[in-house]
Amino acid sequence: MRILLVAVYYDFALEEVGISLISSVMRNKGHEVRLIGDFGKDMLSKIGVEIKSFKPDIVGINSYTTTRLNVYDLCKEIKRLNPCITVCVGGYAATNYWREMLLECSQIDFAILGEGENTFKDLVHLLENKQDTSSVAGIAFRDSLNIPKQSQARELMQDMNSLEFPSRDLLDQNKMNVAL
């Protein structure tokens, strides 16, 4: 699958370790991954260019409390350009405000709650195979009545050493911050 991951910043950008870890996991599972971020004022036009040129199946967007409205704007633009794209949000805001986000932005298909590496991997696998996704631990979604629901919680990783190395090459290619 083609997966576009988007890092949305507020006033400043630090290295996006979480989303670059997810990039690594998805690449190692054989998916074509592109990581973009730090849009500034051209955010919507830049996402449009990426959607048209890369043609992703899934877009994953990080979310912070301070960027929530920007994330909504991105989700709306993505679905306007291609309503078939699955839109997932993760990060602090999605984990803590998943119900509000699903209610406030109908263009969000899934919220990834907590540590996203394994959750996103499992979700993408089921989406790719056109299987029911409600069994994925650590997500929020809308049920058949359009009511936000949370799946069972995913246990925290016990061995952080089992994580892949972040895709810092993707950060560097996109002139995103890399911690030295």
Protein backbone atom coordinates (compact mmCIF):
# COMPACT_ATOMS: atom_id res chain seq x y z
CA MET A 1 0.00 0.00 0.00
CA ARG A 2 1.02 3.60 -0.46
CA ILE A 3 1.17 5.40 2.87
CA LEU A 4 1.66 9.13 3.27
CA LEU A 5 2.64 10.22 6.77
CA VAL A 6 2.27 13.88 7.67
CA ALA A 7 3.94 15.72 10.55
CA VAL A 8 2.00 18.88 11.43
CA TYR A 9 3.92 21.47 13.42
CA TYR A 10 2.84 24.51 15.37
CA ASP A 11 5.50 27.16 16.08
CA PHE A 12 8.58 25.00 16.01
CA ALA A 13 9.52 21.52 14.96
CA LEU A 14 11.43 18.91 16.86
CA GLU A 15 12.38 15.55 15.45
CA GLU A 16 9.21 13.56 14.93
CA VAL A 17 10.41 10.27 16.41
CA GLY A 18 6.98 8.62 16.59
CA ILE A 19 5.99 9.18 12.99
CA SER A 20 9.47 8.30 11.73
CA LEU A 21 9.33 5.04 13.74
CA ILE A 22 6.00 4.26 12.09
CA SER A 23 7.63 5.00 8.72
CA SER A 24 10.28 2.38 9.45
CA VAL A 25 7.77 -0.24 10.53
CA MET A 26 5.65 0.27 7.42
CA ARG A 27 8.64 0.27 5.06
CA ASN A 28 9.88 -2.97 6.59
CA LYS A 29 6.44 -4.49 5.95
CA GLY A 30 6.89 -3.71 2.24
CA HIS A 31 4.74 -0.60 1.99
CA GLU A 32 5.73 2.45 -0.03
CA VAL A 33 6.00 5.29 2.49
CA ARG A 34 6.41 9.00 2.08
CA LEU A 35 6.87 11.35 5.06
CA ILE A 36 6.25 15.07 4.78
CA GLY A 37 5.90 17.92 7.23
CA ASP A 38 6.46 21.50 8.34
CA PHE A 39 4.08 23.11 5.87
CA GLY A 40 3.56 26.59 7.22
CA LYS A 41 1.05 28.66 5.29
CA ASP A 42 1.15 26.49 2.17
CA MET A 43 -0.06 23.41 4.02
CA LEU A 44 -3.20 22.73 1.98
CA SER A 45 -1.62 23.28 -1.43
CA LYS A 46 1.37 21.10 -0.51
CA ILE A 47 -0.84 18.25 0.68
CA GLY A 48 -2.74 18.56 -2.59
CA VAL A 49 0.45 18.12 -4.60
CA GLU A 50 1.40 15.05 -2.53
CA ILE A 51 -2.04 13.47 -2.86
CA LYS A 52 -2.06 13.97 -6.63
CA SER A 53 1.52 12.82 -7.25
CA PHE A 54 1.90 9.99 -4.71
CA LYS A 55 -1.71 8.72 -4.77
CA PRO A 56 -1.70 7.26 -1.23
CA ASP A 57 -4.14 4.63 -0.02
CA ILE A 58 -3.74 5.80 3.57
CA VAL A 59 -2.71 9.10 5.12
CA GLY A 60 -1.51 9.19 8.73
CA ILE A 61 -1.26 12.55 10.49
CA ASN A 62 0.24 13.35 13.88
CA SER A 63 -1.81 15.62 16.14
CA TYR A 64 -1.09 17.85 19.07
CA THR A 65 -3.61 19.96 20.97
CA THR A 66 -2.19 23.08 19.32
CA THR A 67 -2.43 21.64 15.79
CA ARG A 68 -5.86 20.02 16.00
CA LEU A 69 -7.61 22.60 13.78
CA ASN A 70 -4.81 22.39 11.21
CA VAL A 71 -5.21 18.61 11.22
CA TYR A 72 -8.94 19.01 10.56
CA ASP A 73 -8.21 21.29 7.60
CA LEU A 74 -5.78 18.71 6.21
CA CYS A 75 -8.27 15.87 6.63
CA LYS A 76 -10.97 17.86 4.84
CA GLU A 77 -8.64 18.67 1.96
CA ILE A 78 -7.48 15.05 1.64
CA LYS A 79 -11.04 13.73 1.49
CA ARG A 80 -12.04 16.51 -0.93
CA LEU A 81 -9.25 15.44 -3.27
CA ASN A 82 -9.89 11.72 -2.88
CA PRO A 83 -12.71 10.47 -0.63
CA CYS A 84 -11.40 6.89 -0.92
CA ILE A 85 -8.21 7.63 1.06
CA THR A 86 -8.27 6.26 4.61
CA VAL A 87 -7.33 9.05 7.02
CA CYS A 88 -5.77 8.17 10.39
CA VAL A 89 -4.70 10.56 13.12
CA GLY A 90 -2.34 9.73 15.94
CA GLY A 91 -0.31 11.47 18.60
CA TYR A 92 -1.19 13.28 21.78
CA ALA A 93 -4.47 14.87 20.69
CA ALA A 94 -5.79 11.72 19.01
CA THR A 95 -4.95 9.64 22.08
CA ASN A 96 -6.53 12.02 24.58
CA TYR A 97 -9.33 13.59 22.53
CA TRP A 98 -10.29 10.83 20.10
CA ARG A 99 -14.03 11.16 20.72
CA GLU A 100 -14.00 14.91 20.14
CA MET A 101 -11.85 14.58 17.05
CA LEU A 102 -14.12 11.94 15.49
CA LEU A 103 -17.18 14.07 16.28
CA GLU A 104 -15.66 17.35 15.09
CA CYS A 105 -14.09 16.06 11.87
CA SER A 106 -16.07 13.52 9.89
CA GLN A 107 -13.14 13.08 7.49
CA ILE A 108 -11.10 11.21 10.12
CA ASP A 109 -11.57 7.47 9.69
CA PHE A 110 -9.44 6.19 12.59
CA ALA A 111 -7.63 7.54 15.62
CA ILE A 112 -4.50 5.66 16.72
CA LEU A 113 -4.33 5.68 20.52
CA GLY A 114 -1.07 5.60 22.42
CA GLU A 115 1.99 3.91 20.93
CA GLY A 116 1.21 3.70 17.25
CA GLU A 117 3.87 1.47 15.75
CA ASN A 118 2.11 -1.89 16.20
CA THR A 119 -1.40 -0.45 16.13
CA PHE A 120 -0.91 1.24 12.77
CA LYS A 121 0.81 -1.86 11.38
CA ASP A 122 -2.12 -4.07 12.40
CA LEU A 123 -4.69 -1.60 11.08
CA VAL A 124 -2.96 -1.28 7.70
CA HIS A 125 -2.72 -5.07 7.39
CA LEU A 126 -6.47 -5.47 7.86
CA LEU A 127 -7.28 -2.55 5.56
CA GLU A 128 -5.02 -3.99 2.88
CA ASN A 129 -6.80 -7.34 3.13
CA LYS A 130 -10.24 -5.68 3.29
CA GLN A 131 -10.98 -7.22 6.69
CA ASP A 132 -12.92 -5.91 9.67
CA THR A 133 -10.78 -3.43 11.60
CA SER A 134 -12.80 -3.20 14.81
CA SER A 135 -10.67 -5.93 16.40
CA VAL A 136 -7.47 -3.86 16.23
CA ALA A 137 -6.43 -2.96 19.77
CA GLY A 138 -5.64 0.71 20.34
CA ILE A 139 -7.88 2.46 17.81
CA ALA A 140 -10.99 4.62 17.81
CA PHE A 141 -13.46 4.68 14.93
CA ARG A 142 -17.13 5.24 14.14
CA ASP A 143 -19.52 2.31 14.34
CA SER A 144 -22.29 1.59 11.81
CA LEU A 145 -24.47 4.24 13.51
CA ASN A 146 -21.63 6.80 13.15
CA ILE A 147 -21.00 6.82 16.91
CA PRO A 148 -17.36 7.09 18.04
CA LYS A 149 -16.13 3.87 19.63
CA GLN A 150 -12.86 2.79 21.16
CA SER A 151 -11.48 -0.71 20.67
CA GLN A 152 -9.80 -2.56 23.50
CA ALA A 153 -6.68 -0.86 24.81
CA ARG A 154 -3.34 -2.03 23.48
CA GLU A 155 -0.75 -3.00 26.05
CA LEU A 156 2.33 -0.82 26.19
CA MET A 157 5.50 -2.18 24.64
CA GLN A 158 7.62 -3.97 27.19
CA ASP A 159 10.84 -3.96 25.18
CA MET A 160 11.66 -0.60 23.63
CA ASN A 161 14.74 -2.23 22.07
CA SER A 162 12.41 -4.16 19.79
CA LEU A 163 11.54 -0.94 17.95
CA GLU A 164 12.98 -0.31 14.53
CA PHE A 165 15.28 2.64 14.01
CA PRO A 166 13.43 5.79 12.93
CA SER A 167 13.41 6.59 9.20
CA ARG A 168 15.69 9.56 9.61
CA ASP A 169 16.50 9.45 5.91
CA LEU A 170 12.90 10.51 5.22
CA LEU A 171 13.19 13.34 7.75
CA ASP A 172 16.43 14.49 6.14
CA GLN A 173 15.07 14.28 2.58
CA ASN A 174 12.21 16.56 3.54
CA LYS A 175 14.40 19.03 5.43
CA MET A 176 12.70 18.07 8.69
CA ASN A 177 14.57 18.27 11.96
CA VAL A 178 16.84 15.37 12.87
CA ALA A 179 18.27 15.12 16.37
CA LEU A 180 22.03 14.76 16.37
